[in-house]
Amino acid sequence: MIFSRKLVFIAIGPFLFCLLLLLGPPEGMAYSAYMALASTVWIASWWVTEAIPIPATSLLPLVLFPLTGVMTMKETTAPYASPIIYLFLGGFLMALAMERWNLHRRIALSLIAMVGTNMRQILLGFILATGFLSMWISNTATTLMMLPIAISVIGQFETFSAKDSFDHPGASSFGKALILSIAYSASIGGMATLVGTPTNLIFANAVKDTYGSESQLNLPQMDIAFDQWMWFGLPVSLLLLGVCWWHLSHNAFKLGTTKVEGSKAIINSELAQLGKMKLEEKWVLAIFSLVALGWITRRYLITPFFPAVDDTNIVMVGALLMFVVPSKSQPNTFLMDWKTALKLPWGVLLLFGGAFAVAAAFETSGLTAWIGEQLKLLKGIPFWLILLIVITTVNFLTEITQNIATCTLMLPIMAALSGVIDAHPFGLMAGTCIAASCAFMLPVATAPNAVVFGSGHITMKDMVRAGFLLNILSVIVILLATYFLLPLLWGIDMQSFPAVLRR
């Protein structure tokens, strides 16, 4: 049955492609733009339905775009070697080094131990620890690491509650809240940095591809740097983490302040198993800190003296250092080895390449310009209302679609729409990017959701009930942050499309 459904999904893509070829382009649409549209429909249908593995679908542009004349093979393959991809690759190598020496686990346990031992405090500790790690490590890896710790704490609390004759407010809900907090904060934490989640990098690449690099336009703000994104993404992430904590502890599950007996002992026991901080951990932490500092200060301290240095250069220096600094506890080895490096998410890198190729096809073929012409009917509608509709649509659409695919397809449209309604493109594009990370209702929406749902500690009803309102709250937060905070932090006029960007 599953195989038959897969065959149907596989057939949908080429069927829609051929149907569009038979219908032909509408009046006023260039043939190359129509071919880009037809090819994208095929690619998107396979991405959304997962007819074949998503990374495999991401190779489809290499076949369709050259054959349909949208781009040459050389032009199509270029996005698969984008500097943005190597920024993510370098960041993941750094994360793997942290995981190899258990530095990420020590950081998480230390953060949880500092917060407190009652239900609300423990929930806050897990949210902060998960959110912080997700800024640098993949959301899925963070969730998989935090889940066993949470299950241990839940088991201890259930044992304590069973032995006590008193009814502890929120005792039955504590486990559900804690499990959900890991999935939610893993997604929210990734918003804070460019390398935290793939959609942030897709936004940065879309801006660069659509509007040109700094050298072409002499507009530094159009080349999204690590620190530039962080000054916006971090406040939004912290605010959403706070909203998540309040929602899970005071609204969705109404947790009390009952002390979770034995929780401190569990955390201390986990830390004791790690032992004293090893020299390798100190080296990894030092290199990681230098890379983060380089990212944050590059535009102010490095670029004035070395203009060619960018965020990818910085992370690659850090990643290579991991391969040359020797290990003390494991003689004849280094902080990183290739066996560990093979754990890199090569499928995600291919997905990046496919997403960037689709975005390039939109721009090169003129499809973005054509879409902009069709959107002129929206001119005159208040910007805040359009922004609200876009954020809400992307937020709930991502519950059933792959967020990278959603961003890839939506960002060129948002760029075109910005020109039509005379608004700065960062508003709609950044709002789309952030909203794509806020899918809290369904297990299929994100990998963290699927991981925690598979633990058996929560039901579909629990996730939908808690996630629906968190979706709504996130829409409000993203709308306010994009409308008021983004122009303040980035020094842009949200109600005006930069004249230099008009073609």
Protein backbone atom coordinates (compact mmCIF):
# COMPACT_ATOMS: atom_id res chain seq x y z
CA MET A 1 0.00 0.00 0.00
CA ILE A 2 2.78 2.40 0.97
CA PHE A 3 4.72 1.44 -2.16
CA SER A 4 1.65 2.11 -4.35
CA ARG A 5 1.20 5.53 -2.76
CA LYS A 6 4.86 6.31 -3.41
CA LEU A 7 4.38 5.43 -7.07
CA VAL A 8 1.45 7.83 -7.28
CA PHE A 9 3.53 10.60 -5.69
CA ILE A 10 6.37 9.88 -8.11
CA ALA A 11 4.00 10.11 -11.09
CA ILE A 12 2.49 13.43 -9.94
CA GLY A 13 5.68 15.42 -10.61
CA PRO A 14 6.29 14.50 -14.28
CA PHE A 15 2.52 14.53 -14.94
CA LEU A 16 2.21 18.16 -13.79
CA PHE A 17 5.37 19.05 -15.71
CA CYS A 18 4.05 17.56 -18.95
CA LEU A 19 0.63 19.12 -18.42
CA LEU A 20 2.18 22.58 -18.13
CA LEU A 21 4.22 21.94 -21.27
CA LEU A 22 1.02 21.10 -23.17
CA LEU A 23 -0.82 24.16 -21.88
CA GLY A 24 1.99 26.55 -22.78
CA PRO A 25 2.95 29.84 -21.14
CA PRO A 26 0.38 32.58 -20.47
CA GLU A 27 0.52 35.80 -22.46
CA GLY A 28 3.44 38.01 -21.51
CA MET A 29 5.47 35.26 -19.86
CA ALA A 30 8.87 34.41 -21.30
CA TYR A 31 9.37 30.80 -22.37
CA SER A 32 12.40 30.38 -20.08
CA ALA A 33 10.38 31.64 -17.12
CA TYR A 34 7.62 29.17 -17.93
CA MET A 35 10.11 26.32 -18.14
CA ALA A 36 11.49 27.37 -14.75
CA LEU A 37 7.95 27.31 -13.37
CA ALA A 38 7.15 23.89 -14.84
CA SER A 39 10.42 22.44 -13.55
CA THR A 40 9.86 23.93 -10.10
CA VAL A 41 6.37 22.41 -9.93
CA TRP A 42 7.90 18.96 -10.51
CA ILE A 43 10.66 19.55 -7.95
CA ALA A 44 8.26 21.02 -5.37
CA SER A 45 5.77 18.16 -5.73
CA TRP A 46 8.49 15.62 -4.95
CA TRP A 47 9.82 17.73 -2.08
CA VAL A 48 6.39 18.11 -0.48
CA THR A 49 5.26 14.49 -0.93
CA GLU A 50 8.74 13.01 -0.36
CA ALA A 51 8.07 10.76 -3.36
CA ILE A 52 11.77 9.96 -3.37
CA PRO A 53 14.33 10.96 -0.70
CA ILE A 54 14.47 14.76 -0.42
CA PRO A 55 18.24 14.94 -1.12
CA ALA A 56 17.69 12.89 -4.29
CA THR A 57 14.96 15.30 -5.43
CA SER A 58 17.46 18.11 -4.88
CA LEU A 59 19.48 16.70 -7.80
CA LEU A 60 16.53 17.14 -10.18
CA PRO A 61 17.49 20.73 -11.16
CA LEU A 62 20.71 19.30 -12.65
CA VAL A 63 18.53 17.41 -15.13
CA LEU A 64 15.60 19.74 -15.75
CA PHE A 65 17.14 23.21 -15.94
CA PRO A 66 19.78 22.46 -18.61
CA LEU A 67 17.35 20.34 -20.68
CA THR A 68 14.64 23.00 -20.64
CA GLY A 69 17.04 25.85 -21.37
CA VAL A 70 16.45 27.63 -18.07
CA MET A 71 20.17 27.62 -17.23
CA THR A 72 23.26 25.92 -18.59
CA MET A 73 24.77 23.00 -16.68
CA LYS A 74 27.57 25.27 -15.48
CA GLU A 75 25.06 27.82 -14.19
CA THR A 76 22.95 25.10 -12.57
CA THR A 77 25.83 23.45 -10.73
CA ALA A 78 27.24 26.72 -9.38
CA PRO A 79 24.67 26.99 -6.54
CA TYR A 80 25.70 23.53 -5.30
CA ALA A 81 29.09 25.06 -4.44
CA SER A 82 27.72 28.22 -2.85
CA PRO A 83 29.82 29.71 -0.01
CA ILE A 84 26.68 29.47 2.12
CA ILE A 85 26.85 25.66 1.86
CA TYR A 86 30.43 25.68 3.11
CA LEU A 87 29.45 27.97 5.96
CA PHE A 88 26.96 25.33 7.07
CA LEU A 89 29.49 22.54 6.47
CA GLY A 90 32.10 24.29 8.60
CA GLY A 91 29.59 24.97 11.35
CA PHE A 92 28.57 21.32 11.38
CA LEU A 93 32.20 20.18 11.61
CA MET A 94 32.56 22.40 14.67
CA ALA A 95 29.40 20.89 16.13
CA LEU A 96 30.64 17.35 15.50
CA ALA A 97 33.84 18.15 17.36
CA MET A 98 31.77 19.34 20.33
CA GLU A 99 29.75 16.12 20.21
CA ARG A 100 32.85 13.91 19.88
CA TRP A 101 34.24 15.15 23.21
CA ASN A 102 30.81 15.56 24.91
CA LEU A 103 31.29 19.31 25.31
CA HIS A 104 27.71 19.92 24.20
CA ARG A 105 26.43 17.59 26.92
CA ARG A 106 28.49 19.33 29.60
CA ILE A 107 27.17 22.73 28.50
CA ALA A 108 23.55 21.52 28.56
CA LEU A 109 23.81 19.84 31.97
CA SER A 110 25.58 22.85 33.48
CA LEU A 111 22.86 25.21 32.26
CA ILE A 112 20.09 22.98 33.66
CA ALA A 113 21.90 22.64 37.02
CA MET A 114 22.10 26.43 37.42
CA VAL A 115 18.38 27.17 37.03
CA GLY A 116 16.65 25.30 39.91
CA THR A 117 14.78 22.17 40.92
CA ASN A 118 11.06 22.92 40.91
CA MET A 119 8.90 22.04 37.90
CA ARG A 120 8.88 25.48 36.31
CA GLN A 121 12.58 26.02 36.91
CA ILE A 122 13.54 22.65 35.45
CA LEU A 123 11.37 23.36 32.41
CA LEU A 124 13.14 26.71 31.98
CA GLY A 125 16.53 25.02 32.32
CA PHE A 126 15.75 22.52 29.58
CA ILE A 127 14.39 25.26 27.32
CA LEU A 128 17.48 27.45 27.75
CA ALA A 129 19.93 24.55 27.34
CA THR A 130 18.18 23.16 24.25
CA GLY A 131 17.76 26.61 22.73
CA PHE A 132 21.42 27.52 23.25
CA LEU A 133 22.74 24.29 21.75
CA SER A 134 20.42 24.61 18.76
CA MET A 135 22.07 27.93 17.92
CA TRP A 136 25.17 25.97 16.93
CA ILE A 137 24.24 22.29 16.62
CA SER A 138 21.53 20.76 14.43
CA ASN A 139 18.05 20.77 15.94
CA THR A 140 17.74 17.03 15.53
CA ALA A 141 21.05 16.22 17.24
CA THR A 142 20.18 18.56 20.11
CA THR A 143 16.80 16.91 20.58
CA LEU A 144 18.27 13.41 20.54
CA MET A 145 20.81 14.43 23.19
CA MET A 146 18.37 16.20 25.50
CA LEU A 147 15.56 13.63 25.35
CA PRO A 148 17.21 10.86 27.47
CA ILE A 149 18.08 13.41 30.17
CA ALA A 150 14.48 14.61 30.26
CA ILE A 151 13.13 11.05 30.45
CA SER A 152 15.39 10.35 33.45
CA VAL A 153 14.09 13.43 35.27
CA ILE A 154 10.48 12.50 34.44
CA GLY A 155 10.97 8.96 35.73
CA GLN A 156 12.42 10.26 38.99
CA PHE A 157 9.53 12.66 39.47
CA GLU A 158 6.92 9.97 38.76
CA THR A 159 8.57 7.70 41.35
CA PHE A 160 8.54 10.52 43.89
CA SER A 161 4.88 11.37 43.19
CA ALA A 162 3.82 7.71 43.53
CA LYS A 163 5.40 7.46 46.99
CA ASP A 164 3.87 10.70 48.26
CA SER A 165 0.24 10.86 49.37
CA PHE A 166 -0.15 14.54 48.46
CA ASP A 167 -1.53 15.72 45.15
CA HIS A 168 1.14 17.82 43.50
CA PRO A 169 -0.30 20.45 41.11
CA GLY A 170 0.86 19.77 37.58
CA ALA A 171 2.51 16.44 38.41
CA SER A 172 0.69 14.57 35.63
CA SER A 173 1.50 17.28 33.10
CA PHE A 174 5.15 17.85 33.98
CA GLY A 175 6.46 15.06 31.74
CA LYS A 176 4.43 16.20 28.73
CA ALA A 177 5.54 19.81 29.14
CA LEU A 178 9.19 18.81 29.50
CA ILE A 179 9.16 16.57 26.42
CA LEU A 180 7.42 19.20 24.27
CA SER A 181 9.76 21.93 25.52
CA ILE A 182 12.73 20.12 24.00
CA ALA A 183 11.17 19.94 20.52
CA TYR A 184 9.89 23.50 20.59
CA SER A 185 13.05 25.12 21.97
CA ALA A 186 15.21 23.16 19.50
CA SER A 187 13.32 24.79 16.64
CA ILE A 188 13.23 28.23 18.26
CA GLY A 189 16.90 28.26 19.27
CA GLY A 190 18.01 27.66 15.70
CA MET A 191 16.51 31.00 14.64
CA ALA A 192 19.19 32.93 16.54
CA THR A 193 22.17 32.33 14.22
CA LEU A 194 22.76 31.86 10.51
CA VAL A 195 24.05 28.32 11.08
CA GLY A 196 21.30 27.43 13.54
CA THR A 197 18.83 26.24 10.92
CA PRO A 198 19.02 25.83 7.12
CA THR A 199 16.21 28.32 6.43
CA ASN A 200 18.33 31.19 7.79
CA LEU A 201 21.08 30.38 5.30
CA ILE A 202 18.52 30.14 2.50
CA PHE A 203 17.38 33.66 3.38
CA ALA A 204 20.95 34.96 3.29
CA ASN A 205 21.57 33.27 -0.05
CA ALA A 206 18.28 34.54 -1.51
CA VAL A 207 19.17 38.12 -0.60
CA LYS A 208 22.61 37.80 -2.17
CA ASP A 209 21.39 36.08 -5.34
CA THR A 210 18.41 38.37 -5.85
CA TYR A 211 19.98 41.73 -5.12
CA GLY A 212 23.67 41.17 -5.73
CA SER A 213 26.68 41.06 -3.47
CA GLU A 214 28.27 43.88 -1.54
CA SER A 215 30.89 44.41 -4.25
CA GLN A 216 28.25 44.82 -6.95
CA LEU A 217 25.94 47.28 -5.24
CA ASN A 218 28.14 48.76 -2.53
CA LEU A 219 25.37 47.89 -0.07
CA PRO A 220 26.87 46.02 2.89
CA GLN A 221 23.41 45.50 4.35
CA MET A 222 22.43 43.40 1.32
CA ASP A 223 25.12 40.83 2.13
CA ILE A 224 23.76 39.21 5.28
CA ALA A 225 26.60 38.67 7.74
CA PHE A 226 26.54 36.38 10.75
CA ASP A 227 26.39 39.21 13.27
CA GLN A 228 23.75 41.14 11.29
CA TRP A 229 21.37 38.20 11.40
CA MET A 230 22.18 37.45 15.04
CA TRP A 231 21.25 40.96 16.24
CA PHE A 232 17.75 40.28 14.93
CA GLY A 233 17.46 36.51 15.28
CA LEU A 234 18.73 36.30 18.87
CA PRO A 235 16.18 38.71 20.41
CA VAL A 236 13.35 37.02 18.50
CA SER A 237 14.59 33.60 19.62
CA LEU A 238 14.90 34.66 23.28
CA LEU A 239 11.44 36.21 23.22
CA LEU A 240 9.90 33.08 21.70
CA LEU A 241 11.73 30.87 24.21
CA GLY A 242 10.19 32.97 26.98
CA VAL A 243 6.76 32.69 25.38
CA CYS A 244 7.26 28.93 25.03
CA TRP A 245 8.18 28.59 28.73
CA TRP A 246 5.19 30.66 29.87
CA HIS A 247 2.80 28.81 27.55
CA LEU A 248 3.89 25.32 28.63
CA SER A 249 4.22 26.09 32.35
CA HIS A 250 1.32 28.49 32.95
CA ASN A 251 -1.18 27.91 30.17
CA ALA A 252 -1.04 24.58 28.33
CA PHE A 253 -0.17 22.46 31.38
CA LYS A 254 -0.34 24.84 34.39
CA LEU A 255 2.67 23.49 36.23
CA GLY A 256 3.15 24.21 39.91
CA THR A 257 6.33 25.01 41.81
CA THR A 258 6.66 21.56 43.37
CA LYS A 259 10.28 20.57 43.83
CA VAL A 260 11.28 17.62 41.67
CA GLU A 261 13.03 15.40 44.18
CA GLY A 262 16.09 13.67 42.83
CA SER A 263 16.40 15.89 39.74
CA LYS A 264 19.50 17.61 41.06
CA ALA A 265 21.04 14.23 41.87
CA ILE A 266 20.37 13.05 38.29
CA ILE A 267 22.03 16.12 36.76
CA ASN A 268 24.99 15.93 39.14
CA SER A 269 25.34 12.22 38.39
CA GLU A 270 25.39 12.93 34.65
CA LEU A 271 28.03 15.62 35.17
CA ALA A 272 30.05 13.29 37.40
CA GLN A 273 30.09 10.69 34.63
CA LEU A 274 31.66 13.27 32.35
CA GLY A 275 34.41 13.85 34.91
CA LYS A 276 36.63 16.89 34.95
CA MET A 277 36.81 18.94 31.79
CA LYS A 278 39.37 17.31 29.50
CA LEU A 279 42.03 19.19 27.59
CA GLU A 280 40.29 18.29 24.33
CA GLU A 281 37.07 19.91 25.52
CA LYS A 282 38.97 23.06 26.45
CA TRP A 283 40.58 23.19 23.00
CA VAL A 284 37.26 22.68 21.22
CA LEU A 285 35.62 25.33 23.40
CA ALA A 286 38.49 27.75 22.74
CA ILE A 287 38.39 27.26 18.95
CA PHE A 288 34.60 27.43 18.89
CA SER A 289 34.65 30.65 20.94
CA LEU A 290 37.20 32.23 18.60
CA VAL A 291 35.09 31.35 15.57
CA ALA A 292 31.95 32.79 17.20
CA LEU A 293 33.88 35.93 18.17
CA GLY A 294 35.20 36.21 14.60
CA TRP A 295 31.68 35.92 13.21
CA ILE A 296 30.30 38.55 15.55
CA THR A 297 33.13 41.08 15.09
CA ARG A 298 34.13 40.40 11.46
CA ARG A 299 32.59 43.51 9.93
CA TYR A 300 34.14 45.79 12.56
CA LEU A 301 37.53 44.26 13.42
CA ILE A 302 38.51 41.97 10.52
CA THR A 303 37.01 43.26 7.26
CA PRO A 304 38.63 46.74 7.50
CA PHE A 305 42.07 45.07 7.40
CA PHE A 306 41.27 41.92 5.40
CA PRO A 307 38.34 42.73 3.08
CA ALA A 308 38.34 39.27 1.47
CA VAL A 309 37.57 37.50 4.76
CA ASP A 310 33.94 36.41 5.17
CA ASP A 311 32.00 34.19 7.58
CA THR A 312 32.84 31.06 5.55
CA ASN A 313 36.58 31.78 5.75
CA ILE A 314 36.35 32.13 9.52
CA VAL A 315 34.50 28.88 10.15
CA MET A 316 36.77 26.96 7.78
CA VAL A 317 39.82 28.10 9.75
CA GLY A 318 38.16 26.78 12.91
CA ALA A 319 37.12 23.51 11.27
CA LEU A 320 40.63 22.86 9.93
CA LEU A 321 42.17 23.63 13.31
CA MET A 322 40.10 20.74 14.71
CA PHE A 323 42.00 18.40 12.38
CA VAL A 324 45.48 19.67 13.35
CA VAL A 325 45.26 20.07 17.16
CA PRO A 326 46.38 16.74 18.70
CA SER A 327 44.47 14.85 21.37
CA LYS A 328 46.14 14.16 24.70
CA SER A 329 43.86 11.37 25.97
CA GLN A 330 43.88 9.51 22.63
CA PRO A 331 47.49 9.45 21.37
CA ASN A 332 48.11 9.75 17.63
CA THR A 333 44.69 11.30 17.06
CA PHE A 334 43.38 14.85 16.74
CA LEU A 335 40.34 16.79 17.96
CA MET A 336 38.57 15.67 14.78
CA ASP A 337 39.04 12.71 12.47
CA TRP A 338 37.46 11.86 9.14
CA LYS A 339 35.43 9.01 10.62
CA THR A 340 33.59 11.57 12.74
CA ALA A 341 33.37 13.99 9.83
CA LEU A 342 31.50 11.37 7.80
CA LYS A 343 28.53 12.05 10.07
CA LEU A 344 28.05 15.32 8.21
CA PRO A 345 24.47 15.69 6.88
CA TRP A 346 25.44 15.32 3.25
CA GLY A 347 21.76 15.09 2.31
CA VAL A 348 21.13 18.56 3.77
CA LEU A 349 24.04 19.96 1.75
CA LEU A 350 22.46 18.54 -1.42
CA LEU A 351 19.15 20.01 -0.34
CA PHE A 352 20.83 23.40 -0.01
CA GLY A 353 22.24 23.05 -3.52
CA GLY A 354 18.86 22.17 -5.00
CA ALA A 355 17.15 25.01 -3.13
CA PHE A 356 19.76 27.52 -4.27
CA ALA A 357 19.51 26.27 -7.87
CA VAL A 358 15.74 26.77 -7.85
CA ALA A 359 16.17 30.28 -6.46
CA ALA A 360 18.75 31.08 -9.15
CA ALA A 361 16.37 29.77 -11.84
CA PHE A 362 13.60 32.08 -10.59
CA GLU A 363 15.89 35.09 -11.00
CA THR A 364 17.79 34.10 -14.17
CA SER A 365 14.69 33.11 -16.15
CA GLY A 366 12.71 36.22 -15.27
CA LEU A 367 10.12 34.23 -13.33
CA THR A 368 10.52 36.48 -10.27
CA ALA A 369 9.83 39.59 -12.37
CA TRP A 370 6.76 37.95 -13.94
CA ILE A 371 5.38 36.99 -10.53
CA GLY A 372 5.89 40.57 -9.41
CA GLU A 373 3.74 41.80 -12.29
CA GLN A 374 0.92 39.42 -11.28
CA LEU A 375 1.02 40.67 -7.70
CA LYS A 376 0.25 44.29 -8.57
CA LEU A 377 -3.34 43.73 -7.44
CA LEU A 378 -2.04 43.74 -3.86
CA LYS A 379 -0.73 47.28 -4.16
CA GLY A 380 -2.54 49.56 -1.73
CA ILE A 381 -3.11 46.93 0.95
CA PRO A 382 -1.43 47.95 4.25
CA PHE A 383 2.02 46.42 4.62
CA TRP A 384 1.36 45.10 8.13
CA LEU A 385 -1.69 43.19 6.88
CA ILE A 386 0.25 41.58 4.02
CA LEU A 387 3.04 40.72 6.46
CA LEU A 388 0.52 39.14 8.84
CA ILE A 389 -1.02 37.04 6.05
CA VAL A 390 2.40 35.87 4.83
CA ILE A 391 3.67 34.94 8.30
CA THR A 392 0.47 33.10 9.20
CA THR A 393 0.39 31.23 5.87
CA VAL A 394 4.02 30.10 6.11
CA ASN A 395 3.63 29.22 9.79
CA PHE A 396 0.78 26.78 9.21
CA LEU A 397 1.95 25.64 5.75
CA THR A 398 5.20 24.42 7.31
CA GLU A 399 3.20 22.03 9.49
CA ILE A 400 2.70 19.81 6.44
CA THR A 401 5.59 20.79 4.14
CA GLN A 402 9.38 20.73 4.38
CA ASN A 403 10.47 24.12 5.73
CA ILE A 404 13.47 24.38 3.39
CA ALA A 405 11.20 23.78 0.39
CA THR A 406 8.70 26.33 1.70
CA CYS A 407 11.41 28.98 2.10
CA THR A 408 12.96 28.21 -1.28
CA LEU A 409 9.67 28.69 -3.11
CA MET A 410 8.36 31.61 -1.06
CA LEU A 411 11.40 33.91 -0.83
CA PRO A 412 11.58 34.82 -4.56
CA ILE A 413 7.84 35.56 -4.45
CA MET A 414 8.33 37.75 -1.37
CA ALA A 415 11.14 39.60 -3.14
CA ALA A 416 8.85 40.30 -6.10
CA LEU A 417 5.96 41.31 -3.86
CA SER A 418 8.17 43.76 -1.95
CA GLY A 419 8.90 45.67 -5.14
CA VAL A 420 5.22 45.80 -6.04
CA ILE A 421 3.99 47.16 -2.69
CA ASP A 422 7.04 49.44 -2.29
CA ALA A 423 8.31 47.81 0.91
CA HIS A 424 11.85 46.85 1.87
CA PRO A 425 12.38 43.20 0.83
CA PHE A 426 13.85 42.25 4.22
CA GLY A 427 10.45 42.56 5.89
CA LEU A 428 8.57 39.88 3.98
CA MET A 429 11.65 37.72 3.39
CA ALA A 430 12.84 37.68 7.01
CA GLY A 431 9.28 37.18 8.25
CA THR A 432 8.92 34.19 5.92
CA CYS A 433 12.24 32.74 7.06
CA ILE A 434 11.47 32.98 10.80
CA ALA A 435 7.89 31.71 10.38
CA ALA A 436 9.18 28.61 8.59
CA SER A 437 10.85 27.53 11.86
CA CYS A 438 7.65 27.81 13.90
CA ALA A 439 5.83 24.54 13.33
CA PHE A 440 4.72 23.17 16.69
CA MET A 441 1.48 21.27 16.05
CA LEU A 442 2.26 18.05 14.20
CA PRO A 443 4.93 15.34 14.53
CA VAL A 444 5.63 15.50 10.78
CA ALA A 445 6.28 19.24 10.85
CA THR A 446 9.89 19.09 12.09
CA ALA A 447 12.46 16.45 12.99
CA PRO A 448 12.46 17.53 16.69
CA ASN A 449 8.66 17.11 16.80
CA ALA A 450 8.96 13.62 15.32
CA VAL A 451 11.72 12.60 17.75
CA VAL A 452 9.84 13.61 20.91
CA PHE A 453 6.57 12.16 19.63
CA GLY A 454 8.35 8.86 19.11
CA SER A 455 9.32 8.81 22.79
CA GLY A 456 5.78 7.71 23.69
CA HIS A 457 5.43 10.31 26.45
CA ILE A 458 2.99 12.52 24.51
CA THR A 459 0.00 11.95 22.25
CA MET A 460 -1.01 13.67 19.03
CA LYS A 461 -3.71 15.48 21.01
CA ASP A 462 -1.11 16.85 23.45
CA MET A 463 1.06 18.22 20.65
CA VAL A 464 -1.80 19.74 18.66
CA ARG A 465 -3.36 21.34 21.75
CA ALA A 466 -0.11 22.87 22.96
CA GLY A 467 1.28 23.61 19.51
CA PHE A 468 -1.74 25.40 18.02
CA LEU A 469 -1.70 28.27 20.51
CA LEU A 470 2.10 28.44 20.36
CA ASN A 471 1.78 28.81 16.58
CA ILE A 472 -0.61 31.72 17.09
CA LEU A 473 1.64 33.34 19.69
CA SER A 474 4.66 32.94 17.41
CA VAL A 475 2.80 34.66 14.56
CA ILE A 476 2.18 37.67 16.82
CA VAL A 477 5.78 37.78 18.04
CA ILE A 478 7.23 37.48 14.52
CA LEU A 479 4.86 40.15 13.17
CA LEU A 480 5.81 42.66 15.90
CA ALA A 481 9.52 41.84 15.70
CA THR A 482 9.64 42.12 11.90
CA TYR A 483 7.54 45.29 11.75
CA PHE A 484 9.17 47.21 14.63
CA LEU A 485 12.46 45.55 15.67
CA LEU A 486 13.97 44.64 12.29
CA PRO A 487 14.06 48.19 10.84
CA LEU A 488 15.43 49.53 14.14
CA LEU A 489 18.28 47.01 14.34
CA TRP A 490 19.20 46.95 10.65
CA GLY A 491 18.67 50.65 9.95
CA ILE A 492 16.22 50.21 7.07
CA ASP A 493 12.97 51.88 6.07
CA MET A 494 10.42 49.07 6.04
CA GLN A 495 7.93 51.15 4.06
CA SER A 496 10.24 51.88 1.13
CA PHE A 497 11.82 49.65 -1.51
CA PRO A 498 15.47 50.75 -2.07
CA ALA A 499 15.64 52.61 -5.38
CA VAL A 500 19.05 51.13 -6.22
CA LEU A 501 17.50 47.63 -6.30
CA ARG A 502 14.95 48.48 -8.96
CA ARG A 503 15.71 47.11 -12.39
